[in-house]
Amino acid sequence: MSTSTSIRIDQTLYDQARSEAVSEHRTIAGQIEYWAKVGRAALDNPDLPVSFIAESLASLAESCAEATDFVPRSRRA
């Protein structure tokens, strides 16, 4: 169950979140939550590139039904 909490944020951050939310098909709150998750994971894993963290979180959000099997391009004999 999700609860709602109001917070104050800088207007510039809000505007950036609104812009990104449109292109990422998220709500503004969803975009800020996503940034927070990526940021938290980046702080917990400073040795990993942020792009890797973001892609990993995105893959975890996909359903198993949408997953495709890995097929190597070539096989070594």
N, C-alpha and C. Protein backbone atom coordinates (compact mmCIF):
# COMPACT_ATOMS: atom_id res chain seq x y z
N MET A 1 0.84 -1.17 0.00
CA MET A 1 0.00 0.00 0.00
C MET A 1 0.89 1.24 0.00
N SER A 2 0.57 2.17 -0.82
CA SER A 2 1.34 3.40 -0.93
C SER A 2 0.67 4.52 -0.15
N THR A 3 1.47 5.31 0.53
CA THR A 3 0.93 6.46 1.24
C THR A 3 1.43 7.72 0.58
N SER A 4 0.76 8.80 0.82
CA SER A 4 1.11 10.08 0.23
C SER A 4 1.61 11.02 1.31
N THR A 5 2.75 11.65 1.03
CA THR A 5 3.33 12.62 1.93
C THR A 5 3.72 13.84 1.13
N SER A 6 3.37 14.99 1.61
CA SER A 6 3.74 16.23 0.92
C SER A 6 5.10 16.69 1.40
N ILE A 7 5.92 17.13 0.45
CA ILE A 7 7.22 17.70 0.78
C ILE A 7 7.43 18.95 -0.05
N ARG A 8 8.33 19.80 0.40
CA ARG A 8 8.69 21.00 -0.37
C ARG A 8 10.00 20.73 -1.07
N ILE A 9 10.04 21.04 -2.36
CA ILE A 9 11.29 20.93 -3.11
C ILE A 9 11.48 22.21 -3.92
N ASP A 10 12.71 22.42 -4.33
CA ASP A 10 13.05 23.58 -5.13
C ASP A 10 12.26 23.57 -6.44
N GLN A 11 11.79 24.72 -6.86
CA GLN A 11 10.98 24.82 -8.08
C GLN A 11 11.75 24.33 -9.31
N THR A 12 13.06 24.60 -9.35
CA THR A 12 13.87 24.15 -10.49
C THR A 12 13.89 22.63 -10.57
N LEU A 13 14.05 21.96 -9.43
CA LEU A 13 14.03 20.50 -9.40
C LEU A 13 12.66 19.98 -9.82
N TYR A 14 11.61 20.62 -9.37
CA TYR A 14 10.25 20.23 -9.76
C TYR A 14 10.08 20.34 -11.26
N ASP A 15 10.53 21.45 -11.84
CA ASP A 15 10.41 21.66 -13.29
C ASP A 15 11.21 20.62 -14.07
N GLN A 16 12.41 20.29 -13.58
CA GLN A 16 13.22 19.26 -14.23
C GLN A 16 12.53 17.90 -14.15
N ALA A 17 11.95 17.60 -13.00
CA ALA A 17 11.24 16.33 -12.84
C ALA A 17 10.03 16.26 -13.75
N ARG A 18 9.31 17.37 -13.88
CA ARG A 18 8.14 17.40 -14.77
C ARG A 18 8.56 17.12 -16.20
N SER A 19 9.65 17.75 -16.64
CA SER A 19 10.14 17.56 -18.00
C SER A 19 10.57 16.11 -18.25
N GLU A 20 11.34 15.56 -17.32
CA GLU A 20 11.79 14.17 -17.45
C GLU A 20 10.63 13.19 -17.35
N ALA A 21 9.69 13.48 -16.48
CA ALA A 21 8.55 12.58 -16.27
C ALA A 21 7.76 12.40 -17.56
N VAL A 22 7.60 13.46 -18.32
CA VAL A 22 6.86 13.37 -19.59
C VAL A 22 7.58 12.42 -20.54
N SER A 23 8.89 12.60 -20.69
CA SER A 23 9.63 11.78 -21.65
C SER A 23 9.80 10.34 -21.16
N GLU A 24 9.75 10.11 -19.86
CA GLU A 24 9.91 8.76 -19.30
C GLU A 24 8.57 8.09 -18.97
N HIS A 25 7.47 8.77 -19.27
CA HIS A 25 6.12 8.24 -19.02
C HIS A 25 5.91 7.91 -17.54
N ARG A 26 6.33 8.83 -16.68
CA ARG A 26 6.13 8.70 -15.25
C ARG A 26 5.38 9.92 -14.74
N THR A 27 4.86 9.80 -13.54
CA THR A 27 4.32 10.97 -12.86
C THR A 27 5.50 11.78 -12.34
N ILE A 28 5.25 13.01 -11.94
CA ILE A 28 6.32 13.83 -11.37
C ILE A 28 6.83 13.17 -10.09
N ALA A 29 5.92 12.70 -9.25
CA ALA A 29 6.33 12.01 -8.03
C ALA A 29 7.11 10.74 -8.37
N GLY A 30 6.66 10.02 -9.38
CA GLY A 30 7.36 8.81 -9.80
C GLY A 30 8.77 9.11 -10.29
N GLN A 31 8.94 10.22 -10.99
CA GLN A 31 10.26 10.60 -11.48
C GLN A 31 11.20 10.92 -10.32
N ILE A 32 10.70 11.66 -9.33
CA ILE A 32 11.53 12.00 -8.18
C ILE A 32 11.86 10.74 -7.38
N GLU A 33 10.90 9.83 -7.24
CA GLU A 33 11.16 8.56 -6.56
C GLU A 33 12.22 7.76 -7.30
N TYR A 34 12.15 7.76 -8.63
CA TYR A 34 13.15 7.05 -9.44
C TYR A 34 14.54 7.64 -9.21
N TRP A 35 14.64 8.98 -9.27
CA TRP A 35 15.93 9.63 -9.01
C TRP A 35 16.46 9.27 -7.63
N ALA A 36 15.57 9.23 -6.65
CA ALA A 36 15.98 8.89 -5.29
C ALA A 36 16.51 7.46 -5.21
N LYS A 37 15.85 6.53 -5.89
CA LYS A 37 16.30 5.13 -5.89
C LYS A 37 17.66 5.00 -6.56
N VAL A 38 17.84 5.67 -7.70
CA VAL A 38 19.12 5.63 -8.40
C VAL A 38 20.21 6.26 -7.53
N GLY A 39 19.90 7.40 -6.93
CA GLY A 39 20.86 8.07 -6.07
C GLY A 39 21.25 7.24 -4.86
N ARG A 40 20.28 6.62 -4.23
CA ARG A 40 20.55 5.77 -3.07
C ARG A 40 21.43 4.59 -3.47
N ALA A 41 21.10 3.94 -4.60
CA ALA A 41 21.90 2.81 -5.07
C ALA A 41 23.30 3.25 -5.46
N ALA A 42 23.44 4.45 -6.03
CA ALA A 42 24.76 4.97 -6.40
C ALA A 42 25.61 5.23 -5.16
N LEU A 43 24.99 5.76 -4.12
CA LEU A 43 25.73 5.99 -2.87
C LEU A 43 26.13 4.67 -2.21
N ASP A 44 25.27 3.66 -2.32
CA ASP A 44 25.57 2.36 -1.74
C ASP A 44 26.61 1.58 -2.54
N ASN A 45 26.76 1.94 -3.82
CA ASN A 45 27.68 1.23 -4.73
C ASN A 45 28.54 2.23 -5.50
N PRO A 46 29.45 2.93 -4.83
CA PRO A 46 30.21 3.99 -5.48
C PRO A 46 31.13 3.51 -6.60
N ASP A 47 31.42 2.21 -6.64
CA ASP A 47 32.29 1.68 -7.68
C ASP A 47 31.56 1.39 -8.99
N LEU A 48 30.24 1.49 -9.00
CA LEU A 48 29.46 1.21 -10.21
C LEU A 48 29.08 2.50 -10.92
N PRO A 49 29.10 2.49 -12.26
CA PRO A 49 28.65 3.67 -13.00
C PRO A 49 27.14 3.89 -12.79
N VAL A 50 26.73 5.13 -12.72
CA VAL A 50 25.32 5.46 -12.51
C VAL A 50 24.46 4.88 -13.63
N SER A 51 24.96 4.90 -14.86
CA SER A 51 24.18 4.35 -15.98
C SER A 51 23.91 2.86 -15.77
N PHE A 52 24.88 2.12 -15.25
CA PHE A 52 24.69 0.70 -14.96
C PHE A 52 23.63 0.51 -13.89
N ILE A 53 23.67 1.34 -12.86
CA ILE A 53 22.69 1.26 -11.78
C ILE A 53 21.29 1.54 -12.31
N ALA A 54 21.15 2.58 -13.12
CA ALA A 54 19.84 2.93 -13.67
C ALA A 54 19.30 1.81 -14.55
N GLU A 55 20.17 1.23 -15.39
CA GLU A 55 19.73 0.13 -16.26
C GLU A 55 19.37 -1.11 -15.44
N SER A 56 20.12 -1.36 -14.38
CA SER A 56 19.82 -2.51 -13.52
C SER A 56 18.48 -2.35 -12.82
N LEU A 57 18.21 -1.15 -12.31
CA LEU A 57 16.91 -0.90 -11.67
C LEU A 57 15.77 -1.03 -12.68
N ALA A 58 15.99 -0.58 -13.90
CA ALA A 58 14.96 -0.70 -14.93
C ALA A 58 14.70 -2.17 -15.25
N SER A 59 15.76 -2.97 -15.32
CA SER A 59 15.56 -4.38 -15.64
C SER A 59 14.85 -5.12 -14.50
N LEU A 60 15.10 -4.70 -13.26
CA LEU A 60 14.42 -5.32 -12.13
C LEU A 60 12.92 -4.99 -12.13
N ALA A 61 12.56 -3.87 -12.72
CA ALA A 61 11.16 -3.46 -12.76
C ALA A 61 10.37 -4.18 -13.85
N GLU A 62 11.07 -4.78 -14.82
CA GLU A 62 10.38 -5.49 -15.91
C GLU A 62 9.82 -6.81 -15.38
N SER A 63 8.70 -7.20 -15.95
CA SER A 63 8.13 -8.49 -15.56
C SER A 63 8.89 -9.61 -16.26
N CYS A 64 8.89 -10.77 -15.65
CA CYS A 64 9.58 -11.93 -16.24
C CYS A 64 8.95 -12.32 -17.57
N ALA A 65 7.66 -12.05 -17.73
CA ALA A 65 6.98 -12.39 -18.98
C ALA A 65 7.53 -11.59 -20.16
N GLU A 66 8.07 -10.40 -19.89
CA GLU A 66 8.61 -9.56 -20.96
C GLU A 66 10.08 -9.86 -21.25
N ALA A 67 10.72 -10.67 -20.42
CA ALA A 67 12.14 -10.95 -20.57
C ALA A 67 12.39 -11.84 -21.79
N THR A 68 13.52 -11.63 -22.41
CA THR A 68 13.93 -12.48 -23.53
C THR A 68 15.16 -13.26 -23.13
N ASP A 69 15.28 -14.47 -23.66
CA ASP A 69 16.43 -15.30 -23.35
C ASP A 69 17.69 -14.73 -23.98
N PHE A 70 18.80 -14.87 -23.29
CA PHE A 70 20.07 -14.43 -23.83
C PHE A 70 20.53 -15.41 -24.89
N VAL A 71 20.88 -14.89 -26.04
CA VAL A 71 21.39 -15.72 -27.13
C VAL A 71 22.73 -15.13 -27.54
N PRO A 72 23.83 -15.86 -27.32
CA PRO A 72 25.13 -15.33 -27.70
C PRO A 72 25.24 -15.19 -29.22
N ARG A 73 25.96 -14.18 -29.66
CA ARG A 73 26.13 -13.96 -31.11
C ARG A 73 27.00 -15.04 -31.75
N SER A 74 27.96 -15.50 -31.01
CA SER A 74 28.82 -16.56 -31.55
C SER A 74 29.18 -17.50 -30.41
N ARG A 75 29.47 -18.70 -30.79
CA ARG A 75 29.87 -19.71 -29.80
C ARG A 75 31.25 -20.21 -30.16
N ARG A 76 32.09 -20.27 -29.14
CA ARG A 76 33.45 -20.78 -29.37
C ARG A 76 33.44 -22.29 -29.23
N ALA A 77 34.12 -22.93 -30.13
CA ALA A 77 34.16 -24.39 -30.11
C ALA A 77 35.25 -24.91 -29.21
